[in-house]
ModelCIF file with pLDDT and N, C-alpha, C, O atoms, coordinates in Angstrom:
data_MODEL
#
_entry.id   MODEL 
#
_entity.id                         1 
_entity.type                       polymer 
_entity.pdbx_number_of_molecules   1 
#
_entity_poly.entity_id                      1 
_entity_poly.type                           'polypeptide(L)' 
_entity_poly.nstd_linkage                   no 
_entity_poly.nstd_monomer                   no 
_entity_poly.pdbx_seq_one_letter_code       
;(UNK)(UNK)(UNK)(UNK)(UNK)(UNK)(UNK)(UNK)(UNK)(UNK)(UNK)(UNK)(UNK)(UNK)(UNK)(UNK)
(UNK)(UNK)(UNK)(UNK)(UNK)(UNK)(UNK)(UNK)(UNK)(UNK)(UNK)(UNK)(UNK)(UNK)(UNK)(UNK)
(UNK)(UNK)(UNK)(UNK)(UNK)(UNK)(UNK)(UNK)(UNK)(UNK)(UNK)(UNK)
;
_entity_poly.pdbx_seq_one_letter_code_can   XXXXXXXXXXXXXXXXXXXXXXXXXXXXXXXXXXXXXXXXXXXX 
_entity_poly.pdbx_strand_id                 A 
#
loop_
_entity_poly_seq.entity_id 
_entity_poly_seq.num 
_entity_poly_seq.mon_id 
_entity_poly_seq.hetero 
1 1  UNK n 
1 2  UNK n 
1 3  UNK n 
1 4  UNK n 
1 5  UNK n 
1 6  UNK n 
1 7  UNK n 
1 8  UNK n 
1 9  UNK n 
1 10 UNK n 
1 11 UNK n 
1 12 UNK n 
1 13 UNK n 
1 14 UNK n 
1 15 UNK n 
1 16 UNK n 
1 17 UNK n 
1 18 UNK n 
1 19 UNK n 
1 20 UNK n 
1 21 UNK n 
1 22 UNK n 
1 23 UNK n 
1 24 UNK n 
1 25 UNK n 
1 26 UNK n 
1 27 UNK n 
1 28 UNK n 
1 29 UNK n 
1 30 UNK n 
1 31 UNK n 
1 32 UNK n 
1 33 UNK n 
1 34 UNK n 
1 35 UNK n 
1 36 UNK n 
1 37 UNK n 
1 38 UNK n 
1 39 UNK n 
1 40 UNK n 
1 41 UNK n 
1 42 UNK n 
1 43 UNK n 
1 44 UNK n 
#
_struct_asym.id          A 
_struct_asym.entity_id   1 
#
loop_
_ma_qa_metric.id 
_ma_qa_metric.mode 
_ma_qa_metric.name 
_ma_qa_metric.software_group_id 
_ma_qa_metric.type 
1 global pLDDT . pLDDT 
2 local  pLDDT . pLDDT 
#
_ma_qa_metric_global.metric_id      1 
_ma_qa_metric_global.metric_value   95.18 
_ma_qa_metric_global.model_id       1 
_ma_qa_metric_global.ordinal_id     1 
#
loop_
_ma_qa_metric_local.label_asym_id 
_ma_qa_metric_local.label_comp_id 
_ma_qa_metric_local.label_seq_id 
_ma_qa_metric_local.metric_id 
_ma_qa_metric_local.metric_value 
_ma_qa_metric_local.model_id 
_ma_qa_metric_local.ordinal_id 
A UNK 1  2 95.00 1 1  
A UNK 2  2 95.00 1 2  
A UNK 3  2 97.00 1 3  
A UNK 4  2 96.00 1 4  
A UNK 5  2 96.00 1 5  
A UNK 6  2 95.00 1 6  
A UNK 7  2 94.00 1 7  
A UNK 8  2 91.00 1 8  
A UNK 9  2 90.00 1 9  
A UNK 10 2 84.00 1 10 
A UNK 11 2 83.00 1 11 
A UNK 12 2 88.00 1 12 
A UNK 13 2 95.00 1 13 
A UNK 14 2 97.00 1 14 
A UNK 15 2 98.00 1 15 
A UNK 16 2 98.00 1 16 
A UNK 17 2 97.00 1 17 
A UNK 18 2 98.00 1 18 
A UNK 19 2 98.00 1 19 
A UNK 20 2 98.00 1 20 
A UNK 21 2 98.00 1 21 
A UNK 22 2 98.00 1 22 
A UNK 23 2 98.00 1 23 
A UNK 24 2 98.00 1 24 
A UNK 25 2 98.00 1 25 
A UNK 26 2 98.00 1 26 
A UNK 27 2 98.00 1 27 
A UNK 28 2 97.00 1 28 
A UNK 29 2 98.00 1 29 
A UNK 30 2 98.00 1 30 
A UNK 31 2 97.00 1 31 
A UNK 32 2 96.00 1 32 
A UNK 33 2 96.00 1 33 
A UNK 34 2 97.00 1 34 
A UNK 35 2 92.00 1 35 
A UNK 36 2 93.00 1 36 
A UNK 37 2 88.00 1 37 
A UNK 38 2 87.00 1 38 
A UNK 39 2 92.00 1 39 
A UNK 40 2 97.00 1 40 
A UNK 41 2 97.00 1 41 
A UNK 42 2 98.00 1 42 
A UNK 43 2 98.00 1 43 
A UNK 44 2 98.00 1 44 
#
loop_
_atom_site.group_PDB 
_atom_site.id 
_atom_site.type_symbol 
_atom_site.label_atom_id 
_atom_site.label_alt_id 
_atom_site.label_comp_id 
_atom_site.label_asym_id 
_atom_site.label_entity_id 
_atom_site.label_seq_id 
_atom_site.pdbx_PDB_ins_code 
_atom_site.Cartn_x 
_atom_site.Cartn_y 
_atom_site.Cartn_z 
_atom_site.occupancy 
_atom_site.B_iso_or_equiv 
_atom_site.pdbx_formal_charge 
_atom_site.auth_seq_id 
_atom_site.auth_comp_id 
_atom_site.auth_asym_id 
_atom_site.auth_atom_id 
_atom_site.pdbx_PDB_model_num 
ATOM 1   N N  . UNK A 1 1  ? 16.625 7.879   5.847  1.00 95.00 ? 1  UNK A N  1 
ATOM 2   C CA . UNK A 1 1  ? 16.038 9.035   5.143  1.00 95.00 ? 1  UNK A CA 1 
ATOM 3   C C  . UNK A 1 1  ? 16.477 10.363  5.750  1.00 95.00 ? 1  UNK A C  1 
ATOM 4   O O  . UNK A 1 1  ? 16.701 10.460  6.957  1.00 95.00 ? 1  UNK A O  1 
ATOM 5   N N  . UNK A 1 2  ? 16.597 11.378  4.908  1.00 95.00 ? 2  UNK A N  1 
ATOM 6   C CA . UNK A 1 2  ? 17.055 12.691  5.372  1.00 95.00 ? 2  UNK A CA 1 
ATOM 7   C C  . UNK A 1 2  ? 16.031 13.346  6.285  1.00 95.00 ? 2  UNK A C  1 
ATOM 8   O O  . UNK A 1 2  ? 16.393 14.011  7.255  1.00 95.00 ? 2  UNK A O  1 
ATOM 9   N N  . UNK A 1 3  ? 14.750 13.157  5.975  1.00 97.00 ? 3  UNK A N  1 
ATOM 10  C CA . UNK A 1 3  ? 13.679 13.741  6.785  1.00 97.00 ? 3  UNK A CA 1 
ATOM 11  C C  . UNK A 1 3  ? 12.990 12.599  7.547  1.00 97.00 ? 3  UNK A C  1 
ATOM 12  O O  . UNK A 1 3  ? 12.234 11.815  6.973  1.00 97.00 ? 3  UNK A O  1 
ATOM 13  N N  . UNK A 1 4  ? 13.266 12.529  8.819  1.00 96.00 ? 4  UNK A N  1 
ATOM 14  C CA . UNK A 1 4  ? 12.818 11.365  9.582  1.00 96.00 ? 4  UNK A CA 1 
ATOM 15  C C  . UNK A 1 4  ? 12.702 11.710  11.053 1.00 96.00 ? 4  UNK A C  1 
ATOM 16  O O  . UNK A 1 4  ? 13.539 12.427  11.600 1.00 96.00 ? 4  UNK A O  1 
ATOM 17  N N  . UNK A 1 5  ? 11.660 11.197  11.691 1.00 96.00 ? 5  UNK A N  1 
ATOM 18  C CA . UNK A 1 5  ? 11.553 11.228  13.150 1.00 96.00 ? 5  UNK A CA 1 
ATOM 19  C C  . UNK A 1 5  ? 11.524 9.794   13.649 1.00 96.00 ? 5  UNK A C  1 
ATOM 20  O O  . UNK A 1 5  ? 10.805 8.956   13.106 1.00 96.00 ? 5  UNK A O  1 
ATOM 21  N N  . UNK A 1 6  ? 12.308 9.512   14.684 1.00 95.00 ? 6  UNK A N  1 
ATOM 22  C CA . UNK A 1 6  ? 12.425 8.162   15.223 1.00 95.00 ? 6  UNK A CA 1 
ATOM 23  C C  . UNK A 1 6  ? 11.715 8.080   16.563 1.00 95.00 ? 6  UNK A C  1 
ATOM 24  O O  . UNK A 1 6  ? 11.937 8.907   17.447 1.00 95.00 ? 6  UNK A O  1 
ATOM 25  N N  . UNK A 1 7  ? 10.861 7.075   16.705 1.00 94.00 ? 7  UNK A N  1 
ATOM 26  C CA . UNK A 1 7  ? 10.223 6.761   17.979 1.00 94.00 ? 7  UNK A CA 1 
ATOM 27  C C  . UNK A 1 7  ? 10.805 5.457   18.493 1.00 94.00 ? 7  UNK A C  1 
ATOM 28  O O  . UNK A 1 7  ? 10.678 4.423   17.838 1.00 94.00 ? 7  UNK A O  1 
ATOM 29  N N  . UNK A 1 8  ? 11.441 5.492   19.657 1.00 91.00 ? 8  UNK A N  1 
ATOM 30  C CA . UNK A 1 8  ? 11.982 4.276   20.264 1.00 91.00 ? 8  UNK A CA 1 
ATOM 31  C C  . UNK A 1 8  ? 10.922 3.708   21.189 1.00 91.00 ? 8  UNK A C  1 
ATOM 32  O O  . UNK A 1 8  ? 10.613 4.287   22.231 1.00 91.00 ? 8  UNK A O  1 
ATOM 33  N N  . UNK A 1 9  ? 10.372 2.574   20.800 1.00 90.00 ? 9  UNK A N  1 
ATOM 34  C CA . UNK A 1 9  ? 9.252  2.004   21.551 1.00 90.00 ? 9  UNK A CA 1 
ATOM 35  C C  . UNK A 1 9  ? 9.173  0.519   21.264 1.00 90.00 ? 9  UNK A C  1 
ATOM 36  O O  . UNK A 1 9  ? 9.646  0.039   20.234 1.00 90.00 ? 9  UNK A O  1 
ATOM 37  N N  . UNK A 1 10 ? 8.560  -0.204  22.203 1.00 84.00 ? 10 UNK A N  1 
ATOM 38  C CA . UNK A 1 10 ? 8.364  -1.640  22.047 1.00 84.00 ? 10 UNK A CA 1 
ATOM 39  C C  . UNK A 1 10 ? 6.903  -1.957  22.338 1.00 84.00 ? 10 UNK A C  1 
ATOM 40  O O  . UNK A 1 10 ? 6.341  -1.475  23.321 1.00 84.00 ? 10 UNK A O  1 
ATOM 41  N N  . UNK A 1 11 ? 6.282  -2.779  21.471 1.00 83.00 ? 11 UNK A N  1 
ATOM 42  C CA . UNK A 1 11 ? 4.889  -3.150  21.666 1.00 83.00 ? 11 UNK A CA 1 
ATOM 43  C C  . UNK A 1 11 ? 4.695  -4.042  22.869 1.00 83.00 ? 11 UNK A C  1 
ATOM 44  O O  . UNK A 1 11 ? 5.660  -4.377  23.556 1.00 83.00 ? 11 UNK A O  1 
ATOM 45  N N  . UNK A 1 12 ? 3.465  -4.431  23.133 1.00 88.00 ? 12 UNK A N  1 
ATOM 46  C CA . UNK A 1 12 ? 2.288  -4.279  22.273 1.00 88.00 ? 12 UNK A CA 1 
ATOM 47  C C  . UNK A 1 12 ? 1.707  -2.861  22.297 1.00 88.00 ? 12 UNK A C  1 
ATOM 48  O O  . UNK A 1 12 ? 1.855  -2.126  23.273 1.00 88.00 ? 12 UNK A O  1 
ATOM 49  N N  . UNK A 1 13 ? 1.042  -2.499  21.196 1.00 95.00 ? 13 UNK A N  1 
ATOM 50  C CA . UNK A 1 13 ? 0.448  -1.189  21.043 1.00 95.00 ? 13 UNK A CA 1 
ATOM 51  C C  . UNK A 1 13 ? -1.072 -1.323  21.005 1.00 95.00 ? 13 UNK A C  1 
ATOM 52  O O  . UNK A 1 13 ? -1.606 -2.373  20.647 1.00 95.00 ? 13 UNK A O  1 
ATOM 53  N N  . UNK A 1 14 ? -1.756 -0.249  21.378 1.00 97.00 ? 14 UNK A N  1 
ATOM 54  C CA . UNK A 1 14 ? -3.213 -0.255  21.408 1.00 97.00 ? 14 UNK A CA 1 
ATOM 55  C C  . UNK A 1 14 ? -3.770 0.478   20.186 1.00 97.00 ? 14 UNK A C  1 
ATOM 56  O O  . UNK A 1 14 ? -3.078 1.282   19.563 1.00 97.00 ? 14 UNK A O  1 
ATOM 57  N N  . UNK A 1 15 ? -5.019 0.191   19.859 1.00 98.00 ? 15 UNK A N  1 
ATOM 58  C CA . UNK A 1 15 ? -5.659 0.883   18.748 1.00 98.00 ? 15 UNK A CA 1 
ATOM 59  C C  . UNK A 1 15 ? -5.761 2.377   19.041 1.00 98.00 ? 15 UNK A C  1 
ATOM 60  O O  . UNK A 1 15 ? -5.511 3.203   18.163 1.00 98.00 ? 15 UNK A O  1 
ATOM 61  N N  . UNK A 1 16 ? -6.124 2.722   20.265 1.00 98.00 ? 16 UNK A N  1 
ATOM 62  C CA . UNK A 1 16 ? -6.224 4.145   20.622 1.00 98.00 ? 16 UNK A CA 1 
ATOM 63  C C  . UNK A 1 16 ? -4.881 4.834   20.455 1.00 98.00 ? 16 UNK A C  1 
ATOM 64  O O  . UNK A 1 16 ? -4.809 5.946   19.934 1.00 98.00 ? 16 UNK A O  1 
ATOM 65  N N  . UNK A 1 17 ? -3.822 4.177   20.896 1.00 97.00 ? 17 UNK A N  1 
ATOM 66  C CA . UNK A 1 17 ? -2.492 4.764   20.785 1.00 97.00 ? 17 UNK A CA 1 
ATOM 67  C C  . UNK A 1 17 ? -2.045 4.914   19.340 1.00 97.00 ? 17 UNK A C  1 
ATOM 68  O O  . UNK A 1 17 ? -1.447 5.924   18.971 1.00 97.00 ? 17 UNK A O  1 
ATOM 69  N N  . UNK A 1 18 ? -2.336 3.907   18.523 1.00 98.00 ? 18 UNK A N  1 
ATOM 70  C CA . UNK A 1 18 ? -1.942 3.969   17.121 1.00 98.00 ? 18 UNK A CA 1 
ATOM 71  C C  . UNK A 1 18 ? -2.743 5.020   16.368 1.00 98.00 ? 18 UNK A C  1 
ATOM 72  O O  . UNK A 1 18 ? -2.208 5.728   15.515 1.00 98.00 ? 18 UNK A O  1 
ATOM 73  N N  . UNK A 1 19 ? -4.027 5.116   16.689 1.00 98.00 ? 19 UNK A N  1 
ATOM 74  C CA . UNK A 1 19 ? -4.866 6.144   16.059 1.00 98.00 ? 19 UNK A CA 1 
ATOM 75  C C  . UNK A 1 19 ? -4.336 7.538   16.388 1.00 98.00 ? 19 UNK A C  1 
ATOM 76  O O  . UNK A 1 19 ? -4.234 8.397   15.512 1.00 98.00 ? 19 UNK A O  1 
ATOM 77  N N  . UNK A 1 20 ? -4.003 7.752   17.660 1.00 98.00 ? 20 UNK A N  1 
ATOM 78  C CA . UNK A 1 20 ? -3.471 9.051   18.075 1.00 98.00 ? 20 UNK A CA 1 
ATOM 79  C C  . UNK A 1 20 ? -2.140 9.341   17.401 1.00 98.00 ? 20 UNK A C  1 
ATOM 80  O O  . UNK A 1 20 ? -1.866 10.483  17.032 1.00 98.00 ? 20 UNK A O  1 
ATOM 81  N N  . UNK A 1 21 ? -1.312 8.317   17.239 1.00 98.00 ? 21 UNK A N  1 
ATOM 82  C CA . UNK A 1 21 ? -0.008 8.496   16.594 1.00 98.00 ? 21 UNK A CA 1 
ATOM 83  C C  . UNK A 1 21 ? -0.169 8.920   15.140 1.00 98.00 ? 21 UNK A C  1 
ATOM 84  O O  . UNK A 1 21 ? 0.504  9.843   14.681 1.00 98.00 ? 21 UNK A O  1 
ATOM 85  N N  . UNK A 1 22 ? -1.050 8.255   14.426 1.00 98.00 ? 22 UNK A N  1 
ATOM 86  C CA . UNK A 1 22 ? -1.265 8.593   13.021 1.00 98.00 ? 22 UNK A CA 1 
ATOM 87  C C  . UNK A 1 22 ? -1.799 10.012  12.874 1.00 98.00 ? 22 UNK A C  1 
ATOM 88  O O  . UNK A 1 22 ? -1.406 10.744  11.966 1.00 98.00 ? 22 UNK A O  1 
ATOM 89  N N  . UNK A 1 23 ? -2.690 10.390  13.769 1.00 98.00 ? 23 UNK A N  1 
ATOM 90  C CA . UNK A 1 23 ? -3.248 11.744  13.707 1.00 98.00 ? 23 UNK A CA 1 
ATOM 91  C C  . UNK A 1 23 ? -2.200 12.796  14.075 1.00 98.00 ? 23 UNK A C  1 
ATOM 92  O O  . UNK A 1 23 ? -2.067 13.811  13.390 1.00 98.00 ? 23 UNK A O  1 
ATOM 93  N N  . UNK A 1 24 ? -1.460 12.551  15.153 1.00 98.00 ? 24 UNK A N  1 
ATOM 94  C CA . UNK A 1 24 ? -0.476 13.531  15.632 1.00 98.00 ? 24 UNK A CA 1 
ATOM 95  C C  . UNK A 1 24 ? 0.547  13.869  14.559 1.00 98.00 ? 24 UNK A C  1 
ATOM 96  O O  . UNK A 1 24 ? 0.964  15.020  14.434 1.00 98.00 ? 24 UNK A O  1 
ATOM 97  N N  . UNK A 1 25 ? 0.948  12.870  13.789 1.00 98.00 ? 25 UNK A N  1 
ATOM 98  C CA . UNK A 1 25 ? 1.995  13.081  12.790 1.00 98.00 ? 25 UNK A CA 1 
ATOM 99  C C  . UNK A 1 25 ? 1.444  13.229  11.375 1.00 98.00 ? 25 UNK A C  1 
ATOM 100 O O  . UNK A 1 25 ? 2.202  13.246  10.406 1.00 98.00 ? 25 UNK A O  1 
ATOM 101 N N  . UNK A 1 26 ? 0.128  13.334  11.263 1.00 98.00 ? 26 UNK A N  1 
ATOM 102 C CA . UNK A 1 26 ? -0.522 13.519  9.962  1.00 98.00 ? 26 UNK A CA 1 
ATOM 103 C C  . UNK A 1 26 ? -0.053 12.495  8.935  1.00 98.00 ? 26 UNK A C  1 
ATOM 104 O O  . UNK A 1 26 ? 0.225  12.827  7.783  1.00 98.00 ? 26 UNK A O  1 
ATOM 105 N N  . UNK A 1 27 ? 0.030  11.252  9.375  1.00 98.00 ? 27 UNK A N  1 
ATOM 106 C CA . UNK A 1 27 ? 0.494  10.174  8.503  1.00 98.00 ? 27 UNK A CA 1 
ATOM 107 C C  . UNK A 1 27 ? -0.538 9.916   7.411  1.00 98.00 ? 27 UNK A C  1 
ATOM 108 O O  . UNK A 1 27 ? -1.731 9.789   7.690  1.00 98.00 ? 27 UNK A O  1 
ATOM 109 N N  . UNK A 1 28 ? -0.067 9.838   6.157  1.00 97.00 ? 28 UNK A N  1 
ATOM 110 C CA . UNK A 1 28 ? -1.006 9.524   5.077  1.00 97.00 ? 28 UNK A CA 1 
ATOM 111 C C  . UNK A 1 28 ? -0.674 8.214   4.367  1.00 97.00 ? 28 UNK A C  1 
ATOM 112 O O  . UNK A 1 28 ? -1.371 7.835   3.426  1.00 97.00 ? 28 UNK A O  1 
ATOM 113 N N  . UNK A 1 29 ? 0.383  7.510   4.802  1.00 98.00 ? 29 UNK A N  1 
ATOM 114 C CA . UNK A 1 29 ? 0.699  6.169   4.286  1.00 98.00 ? 29 UNK A CA 1 
ATOM 115 C C  . UNK A 1 29 ? 1.357  5.370   5.412  1.00 98.00 ? 29 UNK A C  1 
ATOM 116 O O  . UNK A 1 29 ? 2.210  5.887   6.133  1.00 98.00 ? 29 UNK A O  1 
ATOM 117 N N  . UNK A 1 30 ? 0.958  4.120   5.554  1.00 98.00 ? 30 UNK A N  1 
ATOM 118 C CA . UNK A 1 30 ? 1.596  3.192   6.483  1.00 98.00 ? 30 UNK A CA 1 
ATOM 119 C C  . UNK A 1 30 ? 2.286  2.107   5.680  1.00 98.00 ? 30 UNK A C  1 
ATOM 120 O O  . UNK A 1 30 ? 1.688  1.514   4.783  1.00 98.00 ? 30 UNK A O  1 
ATOM 121 N N  . UNK A 1 31 ? 3.554  1.847   6.005  1.00 97.00 ? 31 UNK A N  1 
ATOM 122 C CA . UNK A 1 31 ? 4.293  0.750   5.375  1.00 97.00 ? 31 UNK A CA 1 
ATOM 123 C C  . UNK A 1 31 ? 4.603  -0.284  6.446  1.00 97.00 ? 31 UNK A C  1 
ATOM 124 O O  . UNK A 1 31 ? 5.166  0.046   7.490  1.00 97.00 ? 31 UNK A O  1 
ATOM 125 N N  . UNK A 1 32 ? 4.236  -1.532  6.189  1.00 96.00 ? 32 UNK A N  1 
ATOM 126 C CA . UNK A 1 32 ? 4.495  -2.585  7.159  1.00 96.00 ? 32 UNK A CA 1 
ATOM 127 C C  . UNK A 1 32 ? 4.759  -3.892  6.447  1.00 96.00 ? 32 UNK A C  1 
ATOM 128 O O  . UNK A 1 32 ? 4.398  -4.063  5.282  1.00 96.00 ? 32 UNK A O  1 
ATOM 129 N N  . UNK A 1 33 ? 5.392  -4.817  7.153  1.00 96.00 ? 33 UNK A N  1 
ATOM 130 C CA . UNK A 1 33 ? 5.586  -6.180  6.657  1.00 96.00 ? 33 UNK A CA 1 
ATOM 131 C C  . UNK A 1 33 ? 4.450  -7.054  7.183  1.00 96.00 ? 33 UNK A C  1 
ATOM 132 O O  . UNK A 1 33 ? 3.895  -6.790  8.250  1.00 96.00 ? 33 UNK A O  1 
ATOM 133 N N  . UNK A 1 34 ? 4.116  -8.083  6.436  1.00 97.00 ? 34 UNK A N  1 
ATOM 134 C CA . UNK A 1 34 ? 3.061  -9.003  6.854  1.00 97.00 ? 34 UNK A CA 1 
ATOM 135 C C  . UNK A 1 34 ? 3.595  -9.931  7.949  1.00 97.00 ? 34 UNK A C  1 
ATOM 136 O O  . UNK A 1 34 ? 3.830  -11.118 7.723  1.00 97.00 ? 34 UNK A O  1 
ATOM 137 N N  . UNK A 1 35 ? 3.777  -9.353  9.137  1.00 92.00 ? 35 UNK A N  1 
ATOM 138 C CA . UNK A 1 35 ? 4.390  -10.087 10.243 1.00 92.00 ? 35 UNK A CA 1 
ATOM 139 C C  . UNK A 1 35 ? 3.399  -10.941 11.004 1.00 92.00 ? 35 UNK A C  1 
ATOM 140 O O  . UNK A 1 35 ? 3.799  -11.903 11.659 1.00 92.00 ? 35 UNK A O  1 
ATOM 141 N N  . UNK A 1 36 ? 2.117  -10.617 10.938 1.00 93.00 ? 36 UNK A N  1 
ATOM 142 C CA . UNK A 1 36 ? 1.130  -11.315 11.739 1.00 93.00 ? 36 UNK A CA 1 
ATOM 143 C C  . UNK A 1 36 ? 1.162  -10.833 13.183 1.00 93.00 ? 36 UNK A C  1 
ATOM 144 O O  . UNK A 1 36 ? 1.936  -9.946  13.541 1.00 93.00 ? 36 UNK A O  1 
ATOM 145 N N  . UNK A 1 37 ? 0.312  -11.430 14.000 1.00 88.00 ? 37 UNK A N  1 
ATOM 146 C CA . UNK A 1 37 ? 0.239  -11.031 15.400 1.00 88.00 ? 37 UNK A CA 1 
ATOM 147 C C  . UNK A 1 37 ? -0.692 -9.853  15.604 1.00 88.00 ? 37 UNK A C  1 
ATOM 148 O O  . UNK A 1 37 ? -1.491 -9.532  14.725 1.00 88.00 ? 37 UNK A O  1 
ATOM 149 N N  . UNK A 1 38 ? -0.595 -9.201  16.768 1.00 87.00 ? 38 UNK A N  1 
ATOM 150 C CA . UNK A 1 38 ? -1.465 -8.057  17.056 1.00 87.00 ? 38 UNK A CA 1 
ATOM 151 C C  . UNK A 1 38 ? -1.360 -6.993  15.967 1.00 87.00 ? 38 UNK A C  1 
ATOM 152 O O  . UNK A 1 38 ? -0.271 -6.701  15.472 1.00 87.00 ? 38 UNK A O  1 
ATOM 153 N N  . UNK A 1 39 ? -2.505 -6.419  15.602 1.00 92.00 ? 39 UNK A N  1 
ATOM 154 C CA . UNK A 1 39 ? -2.546 -5.537  14.427 1.00 92.00 ? 39 UNK A CA 1 
ATOM 155 C C  . UNK A 1 39 ? -3.251 -4.224  14.736 1.00 92.00 ? 39 UNK A C  1 
ATOM 156 O O  . UNK A 1 39 ? -4.087 -3.774  13.951 1.00 92.00 ? 39 UNK A O  1 
ATOM 157 N N  . UNK A 1 40 ? -2.928 -3.602  15.869 1.00 97.00 ? 40 UNK A N  1 
ATOM 158 C CA . UNK A 1 40 ? -3.582 -2.351  16.232 1.00 97.00 ? 40 UNK A CA 1 
ATOM 159 C C  . UNK A 1 40 ? -3.349 -1.269  15.183 1.00 97.00 ? 40 UNK A C  1 
ATOM 160 O O  . UNK A 1 40 ? -4.248 -0.476  14.904 1.00 97.00 ? 40 UNK A O  1 
ATOM 161 N N  . UNK A 1 41 ? -2.158 -1.229  14.600 1.00 97.00 ? 41 UNK A N  1 
ATOM 162 C CA . UNK A 1 41 ? -1.864 -0.196  13.596 1.00 97.00 ? 41 UNK A CA 1 
ATOM 163 C C  . UNK A 1 41 ? -2.741 -0.357  12.357 1.00 97.00 ? 41 UNK A C  1 
ATOM 164 O O  . UNK A 1 41 ? -3.122 0.631   11.730 1.00 97.00 ? 41 UNK A O  1 
ATOM 165 N N  . UNK A 1 42 ? -3.061 -1.614  12.003 1.00 98.00 ? 42 UNK A N  1 
ATOM 166 C CA . UNK A 1 42 ? -3.908 -1.838  10.833 1.00 98.00 ? 42 UNK A CA 1 
ATOM 167 C C  . UNK A 1 42 ? -5.344 -1.407  11.107 1.00 98.00 ? 42 UNK A C  1 
ATOM 168 O O  . UNK A 1 42 ? -6.016 -0.865  10.230 1.00 98.00 ? 42 UNK A O  1 
ATOM 169 N N  . UNK A 1 43 ? -5.802 -1.649  12.318 1.00 98.00 ? 43 UNK A N  1 
ATOM 170 C CA . UNK A 1 43 ? -7.145 -1.194  12.694 1.00 98.00 ? 43 UNK A CA 1 
ATOM 171 C C  . UNK A 1 43 ? -7.222 0.332   12.661 1.00 98.00 ? 43 UNK A C  1 
ATOM 172 O O  . UNK A 1 43 ? -8.181 0.903   12.142 1.00 98.00 ? 43 UNK A O  1 
ATOM 173 N N  . UNK A 1 44 ? -6.202 0.982   13.219 1.00 98.00 ? 44 UNK A N  1 
ATOM 174 C CA . UNK A 1 44 ? -6.178 2.443   13.233 1.00 98.00 ? 44 UNK A CA 1 
ATOM 175 C C  . UNK A 1 44 ? -6.129 3.000   11.813 1.00 98.00 ? 44 UNK A C  1 
ATOM 176 O O  . UNK A 1 44 ? -6.103 4.217   11.628 1.00 98.00 ? 44 UNK A O  1 
#
């Protein structure tokens, strides 16, 4: 995408961290695959 910010990171991620990430970047939609496993981003 032309307008994009990339975060280079490897999980596991925490709910607090994911919540802060969504707020910091004013995210209004999350796109994910049904991968299973830890789901901190879904909780956030």
